[in-house]
Amino acid sequence: MANGLCFISYFHFFVTFKSFLKKEKNTITNFKKNTKCGKKD
């Protein structure tokens, strides 16, 4: 039971973290576009 709870909370954390990363990536991309910097990649 404890393992199941740990797995569920870990999965929830992973999904939340993934969506957070996606949001951060979009924010950084928009920032680069707006400031015309980061032309290396």
N, C-alpha and C. Protein backbone atom coordinates (compact mmCIF):
# COMPACT_ATOMS: atom_id res chain seq x y z
N MET A 1 0.83 -1.20 0.00
CA MET A 1 0.00 0.00 0.00
C MET A 1 0.87 1.26 0.00
N ALA A 2 1.88 1.26 0.85
CA ALA A 2 2.76 2.42 0.91
C ALA A 2 3.49 2.61 -0.42
N ASN A 3 3.91 1.47 -1.01
CA ASN A 3 4.61 1.56 -2.29
C ASN A 3 3.70 2.13 -3.37
N GLY A 4 2.43 1.73 -3.35
CA GLY A 4 1.47 2.25 -4.32
C GLY A 4 1.31 3.76 -4.17
N LEU A 5 1.21 4.20 -2.93
CA LEU A 5 1.07 5.63 -2.68
C LEU A 5 2.31 6.38 -3.16
N CYS A 6 3.47 5.82 -2.89
CA CYS A 6 4.72 6.44 -3.33
C CYS A 6 4.75 6.53 -4.85
N PHE A 7 4.33 5.46 -5.51
CA PHE A 7 4.34 5.45 -6.97
C PHE A 7 3.39 6.50 -7.52
N ILE A 8 2.19 6.59 -6.92
CA ILE A 8 1.21 7.55 -7.41
C ILE A 8 1.72 8.97 -7.22
N SER A 9 2.29 9.27 -6.05
CA SER A 9 2.78 10.62 -5.80
C SER A 9 3.97 10.93 -6.71
N TYR A 10 4.81 9.92 -6.98
CA TYR A 10 5.95 10.12 -7.87
C TYR A 10 5.46 10.39 -9.29
N PHE A 11 4.46 9.62 -9.73
CA PHE A 11 3.91 9.80 -11.07
C PHE A 11 3.30 11.19 -11.20
N HIS A 12 2.55 11.60 -10.18
CA HIS A 12 1.93 12.92 -10.18
C HIS A 12 3.00 14.01 -10.25
N PHE A 13 4.06 13.84 -9.46
CA PHE A 13 5.16 14.79 -9.46
C PHE A 13 5.82 14.86 -10.84
N PHE A 14 6.00 13.67 -11.46
CA PHE A 14 6.65 13.61 -12.77
C PHE A 14 5.83 14.35 -13.82
N VAL A 15 4.51 14.11 -13.81
CA VAL A 15 3.64 14.78 -14.78
C VAL A 15 3.65 16.29 -14.57
N THR A 16 3.56 16.69 -13.31
CA THR A 16 3.57 18.12 -13.00
C THR A 16 4.89 18.75 -13.42
N PHE A 17 5.98 18.05 -13.13
CA PHE A 17 7.31 18.55 -13.46
C PHE A 17 7.48 18.67 -14.97
N LYS A 18 6.96 17.69 -15.72
CA LYS A 18 7.08 17.71 -17.17
C LYS A 18 6.34 18.91 -17.76
N SER A 19 5.13 19.15 -17.28
CA SER A 19 4.36 20.28 -17.79
C SER A 19 5.03 21.59 -17.40
N PHE A 20 5.65 21.61 -16.20
CA PHE A 20 6.38 22.80 -15.76
C PHE A 20 7.56 23.06 -16.68
N LEU A 21 8.30 21.99 -17.03
CA LEU A 21 9.45 22.14 -17.92
C LEU A 21 9.00 22.66 -19.28
N LYS A 22 7.88 22.12 -19.78
CA LYS A 22 7.38 22.55 -21.08
C LYS A 22 7.05 24.04 -21.04
N LYS A 23 6.41 24.46 -19.94
CA LYS A 23 6.06 25.87 -19.79
C LYS A 23 7.32 26.72 -19.75
N GLU A 24 8.31 26.27 -18.97
CA GLU A 24 9.57 27.01 -18.85
C GLU A 24 10.25 27.13 -20.21
N LYS A 25 10.25 26.03 -20.98
CA LYS A 25 10.89 26.04 -22.29
C LYS A 25 10.22 27.07 -23.19
N ASN A 26 8.89 27.11 -23.17
CA ASN A 26 8.17 28.09 -23.97
C ASN A 26 8.50 29.51 -23.54
N THR A 27 8.58 29.71 -22.23
CA THR A 27 8.89 31.04 -21.71
C THR A 27 10.28 31.48 -22.16
N ILE A 28 11.24 30.56 -22.06
CA ILE A 28 12.61 30.88 -22.45
C ILE A 28 12.67 31.15 -23.95
N THR A 29 11.96 30.35 -24.74
CA THR A 29 11.94 30.55 -26.19
C THR A 29 11.36 31.91 -26.54
N ASN A 30 10.25 32.26 -25.90
CA ASN A 30 9.63 33.55 -26.16
C ASN A 30 10.56 34.69 -25.75
N PHE A 31 11.24 34.50 -24.62
CA PHE A 31 12.18 35.52 -24.15
C PHE A 31 13.29 35.72 -25.16
N LYS A 32 13.82 34.61 -25.70
CA LYS A 32 14.89 34.70 -26.69
C LYS A 32 14.39 35.43 -27.93
N LYS A 33 13.17 35.10 -28.38
CA LYS A 33 12.61 35.75 -29.56
C LYS A 33 12.45 37.24 -29.33
N ASN A 34 11.92 37.59 -28.14
CA ASN A 34 11.62 38.99 -27.85
C ASN A 34 12.89 39.83 -27.70
N THR A 35 13.96 39.21 -27.19
CA THR A 35 15.17 39.98 -26.94
C THR A 35 16.20 39.80 -28.05
N LYS A 36 15.87 38.94 -29.03
CA LYS A 36 16.76 38.69 -30.17
C LYS A 36 18.14 38.22 -29.71
N CYS A 37 18.14 37.35 -28.67
CA CYS A 37 19.41 36.78 -28.23
C CYS A 37 19.31 35.26 -28.30
N GLY A 38 20.41 34.57 -28.11
CA GLY A 38 20.39 33.12 -28.16
C GLY A 38 20.28 32.61 -29.58
N LYS A 39 21.00 33.22 -30.50
CA LYS A 39 20.94 32.80 -31.90
C LYS A 39 21.82 31.58 -32.17
N LYS A 40 22.55 31.12 -31.15
CA LYS A 40 23.47 30.00 -31.35
C LYS A 40 22.72 28.72 -31.72
N ASP A 41 21.59 28.46 -31.02
CA ASP A 41 20.84 27.24 -31.34
C ASP A 41 19.71 27.60 -32.29
